[in-house]
Amino acid sequence: MRPMLAISESIDWLNQRLGDVCNFLVLAACVVSAGNAMIRYAFGYSSNSWLELQWYMFAVFVMFGASYTFKRNEHVRVEILYLMLSERGQLWLDMIGTLFFLIPSCLLLSYLSWPFFMQAYNVGEISSNAGGLVRWPIKIVVPVGFVLLALQGVSEVIKRIAALKGYVVIDAKYERPTQ
């Protein structure tokens, strides 16, 4: 179980770092948005690249922030049935839902979105707006975001298995209690 928990910790570490970046991008997007609006109204100047930069930041913090949100267990869950289950039942429901729904869906969406990125990359896609940004780099965010979410799903399944086997969280790490 220890090697599996080490993998889980590595995935959690990666998604925590990306979550930190996403938290910064929310602030950066607000600053860019406010700055763009102020410059437009104060000086009558506007740039499509600043507007598109906001969109790019939004895309990154939504797609990469999903795995961070899942790691923190702050995702949306229909809790009507969930709350009626015992702790063990909740662990099983989380595990089954993640294994049979979340991970396959994320991998499928990543697979289906890869050609979307590759087509944009192959043609060197750029914005059709005057002064716009290059488009192909942001399109890789979709498949990578779904892979990160699937990886976090793997981490959560490992943690649920550990919990079912009697491991408990001590200082943010799973430890086998000594009895």
Protein backbone atom coordinates (compact mmCIF):
# COMPACT_ATOMS: atom_id res chain seq x y z
CA MET A 1 0.00 0.00 0.00
CA ARG A 2 2.93 2.37 0.71
CA PRO A 3 4.04 2.63 -2.97
CA MET A 4 0.45 3.37 -4.01
CA LEU A 5 0.17 6.07 -1.35
CA ALA A 6 3.46 7.56 -2.59
CA ILE A 7 1.94 7.79 -6.08
CA SER A 8 -1.16 9.40 -4.59
CA GLU A 9 0.97 11.94 -2.71
CA SER A 10 2.85 12.81 -5.93
CA ILE A 11 -0.39 13.38 -7.83
CA ASP A 12 -1.75 15.45 -4.93
CA TRP A 13 1.47 17.50 -4.86
CA LEU A 14 1.23 18.21 -8.62
CA ASN A 15 -2.41 19.24 -8.45
CA GLN A 16 -1.76 21.37 -5.35
CA ARG A 17 0.97 23.28 -7.22
CA LEU A 18 -1.32 23.73 -10.24
CA GLY A 19 -4.09 24.87 -7.89
CA ASP A 20 -1.74 27.50 -6.48
CA VAL A 21 -1.08 28.72 -10.03
CA CYS A 22 -4.83 28.76 -10.74
CA ASN A 23 -5.46 30.81 -7.60
CA PHE A 24 -2.95 33.36 -8.86
CA LEU A 25 -4.52 33.33 -12.35
CA VAL A 26 -7.92 34.31 -10.91
CA LEU A 27 -6.34 37.43 -9.46
CA ALA A 28 -4.33 38.06 -12.63
CA ALA A 29 -7.45 37.75 -14.80
CA CYS A 30 -9.25 40.30 -12.60
CA VAL A 31 -6.32 42.73 -12.83
CA VAL A 32 -6.07 42.32 -16.62
CA SER A 33 -9.83 42.77 -16.96
CA ALA A 34 -9.90 45.89 -14.78
CA GLY A 35 -6.81 47.33 -16.44
CA ASN A 36 -8.18 46.70 -19.91
CA ALA A 37 -11.49 48.39 -19.02
CA MET A 38 -9.76 51.38 -17.41
CA ILE A 39 -7.46 51.91 -20.39
CA ARG A 40 -10.35 51.54 -22.82
CA TYR A 41 -12.52 54.14 -21.03
CA ALA A 42 -9.73 56.50 -19.95
CA PHE A 43 -7.67 56.54 -23.14
CA GLY A 44 -9.99 55.11 -25.77
CA TYR A 45 -7.49 52.34 -26.48
CA SER A 46 -8.33 48.65 -26.55
CA SER A 47 -6.46 45.52 -27.48
CA ASN A 48 -7.89 42.17 -28.45
CA SER A 49 -4.79 40.46 -27.09
CA TRP A 50 -5.64 41.58 -23.51
CA LEU A 51 -9.19 40.29 -23.88
CA GLU A 52 -7.96 36.98 -25.27
CA LEU A 53 -5.37 36.76 -22.48
CA GLN A 54 -8.28 36.88 -20.00
CA TRP A 55 -9.96 34.02 -21.86
CA TYR A 56 -6.75 32.01 -21.81
CA MET A 57 -6.30 32.51 -18.07
CA PHE A 58 -9.94 31.53 -17.53
CA ALA A 59 -9.45 28.35 -19.59
CA VAL A 60 -6.36 27.40 -17.57
CA PHE A 61 -7.89 27.98 -14.17
CA VAL A 62 -11.08 26.14 -15.06
CA MET A 63 -9.42 23.11 -16.67
CA PHE A 64 -6.49 22.81 -14.24
CA GLY A 65 -8.52 23.98 -11.26
CA ALA A 66 -10.90 21.04 -11.65
CA SER A 67 -8.30 18.54 -10.45
CA TYR A 68 -7.33 20.86 -7.58
CA THR A 69 -10.99 21.21 -6.58
CA PHE A 70 -11.45 17.43 -6.69
CA LYS A 71 -8.31 16.97 -4.57
CA ARG A 72 -9.77 19.29 -1.91
CA ASN A 73 -13.11 17.42 -2.04
CA GLU A 74 -14.92 20.65 -2.90
CA HIS A 75 -16.56 19.39 -6.06
CA VAL A 76 -20.30 19.26 -6.64
CA ARG A 77 -21.88 16.09 -5.32
CA VAL A 78 -25.51 15.01 -5.09
CA GLU A 79 -25.57 14.26 -1.40
CA ILE A 80 -29.13 13.03 -0.91
CA LEU A 81 -28.10 9.36 -1.05
CA TYR A 82 -24.50 9.98 -0.01
CA LEU A 83 -25.36 11.42 3.40
CA MET A 84 -27.55 8.43 4.26
CA LEU A 85 -24.64 6.03 3.81
CA SER A 86 -22.19 4.97 6.49
CA GLU A 87 -18.60 6.20 6.21
CA ARG A 88 -17.63 2.89 4.64
CA GLY A 89 -20.53 3.17 2.19
CA GLN A 90 -19.42 6.68 1.25
CA LEU A 91 -15.89 5.39 0.59
CA TRP A 92 -17.27 2.66 -1.66
CA LEU A 93 -19.58 5.04 -3.51
CA ASP A 94 -16.72 7.51 -4.07
CA MET A 95 -14.49 4.72 -5.33
CA ILE A 96 -17.06 3.18 -7.67
CA GLY A 97 -18.12 6.56 -9.06
CA THR A 98 -14.53 7.59 -9.67
CA LEU A 99 -13.46 4.27 -11.21
CA PHE A 100 -16.46 3.73 -13.46
CA PHE A 101 -17.58 7.26 -14.32
CA LEU A 102 -15.01 9.98 -13.65
CA ILE A 103 -11.80 8.36 -14.88
CA PRO A 104 -13.26 6.81 -18.06
CA SER A 105 -15.11 10.05 -18.91
CA CYS A 106 -12.00 12.17 -18.42
CA LEU A 107 -9.83 9.84 -20.49
CA LEU A 108 -12.42 9.74 -23.26
CA LEU A 109 -12.74 13.54 -23.31
CA SER A 110 -8.97 13.90 -23.33
CA TYR A 111 -8.70 11.46 -26.22
CA LEU A 112 -11.45 13.22 -28.17
CA SER A 113 -10.02 16.69 -27.57
CA TRP A 114 -6.46 15.79 -28.63
CA PRO A 115 -7.23 16.09 -32.40
CA PHE A 116 -8.75 19.54 -31.68
CA PHE A 117 -5.34 20.63 -30.35
CA MET A 118 -3.33 18.82 -33.04
CA GLN A 119 -5.31 20.42 -35.86
CA ALA A 120 -4.73 23.88 -34.39
CA TYR A 121 -1.03 23.10 -33.86
CA ASN A 122 -0.52 21.72 -37.38
CA VAL A 123 -1.95 24.83 -39.03
CA GLY A 124 -0.37 27.23 -36.52
CA GLU A 125 -3.79 28.60 -35.62
CA ILE A 126 -3.92 32.24 -34.58
CA SER A 127 -6.79 34.48 -33.60
CA SER A 128 -8.88 35.94 -36.41
CA ASN A 129 -9.17 39.16 -34.37
CA ALA A 130 -6.79 42.02 -35.09
CA GLY A 131 -4.02 41.94 -32.50
CA GLY A 132 -5.18 38.57 -31.20
CA LEU A 133 -3.01 35.83 -29.76
CA VAL A 134 -1.80 32.49 -31.06
CA ARG A 135 -4.59 29.99 -30.44
CA TRP A 136 -2.99 26.57 -30.66
CA PRO A 137 -1.09 26.68 -27.32
CA ILE A 138 -4.25 27.23 -25.27
CA LYS A 139 -6.02 24.33 -26.95
CA ILE A 140 -3.73 21.79 -25.25
CA VAL A 141 -5.25 22.88 -21.93
CA VAL A 142 -8.39 20.82 -22.63
CA PRO A 143 -6.81 17.36 -23.01
CA VAL A 144 -4.20 18.04 -20.31
CA GLY A 145 -6.88 19.28 -17.90
CA PHE A 146 -8.89 16.08 -18.34
CA VAL A 147 -5.78 13.93 -17.85
CA LEU A 148 -4.99 15.83 -14.63
CA LEU A 149 -8.54 15.25 -13.40
CA ALA A 150 -8.28 11.53 -14.23
CA LEU A 151 -4.95 11.37 -12.37
CA GLN A 152 -6.51 13.00 -9.34
CA GLY A 153 -9.25 10.39 -9.62
CA VAL A 154 -6.58 7.70 -9.40
CA SER A 155 -5.17 9.41 -6.31
CA GLU A 156 -8.61 9.55 -4.69
CA VAL A 157 -9.25 5.86 -5.41
CA ILE A 158 -5.90 4.99 -3.79
CA LYS A 159 -6.84 7.03 -0.71
CA ARG A 160 -10.26 5.36 -0.51
CA ILE A 161 -8.67 1.90 -0.71
CA ALA A 162 -6.23 2.91 2.03
CA ALA A 163 -9.11 4.14 4.20
CA LEU A 164 -11.01 0.87 3.63
CA LYS A 165 -7.89 -1.04 4.70
CA GLY A 166 -7.74 0.87 7.97
CA TYR A 167 -5.23 3.59 7.14
CA VAL A 168 -5.97 6.97 8.73
CA VAL A 169 -4.85 10.48 7.87
CA ILE A 170 -2.14 11.75 10.21
CA ASP A 171 -0.50 15.10 9.33
CA ALA A 172 -2.02 14.99 5.82
CA LYS A 173 -0.53 11.53 5.15
CA TYR A 174 -2.11 8.11 5.31
CA GLU A 175 -0.63 6.00 8.10
CA ARG A 176 -1.50 2.54 9.35
CA PRO A 177 -2.59 3.03 12.96
CA THR A 178 -0.67 1.09 15.58
CA GLN A 179 -3.00 -0.74 17.90
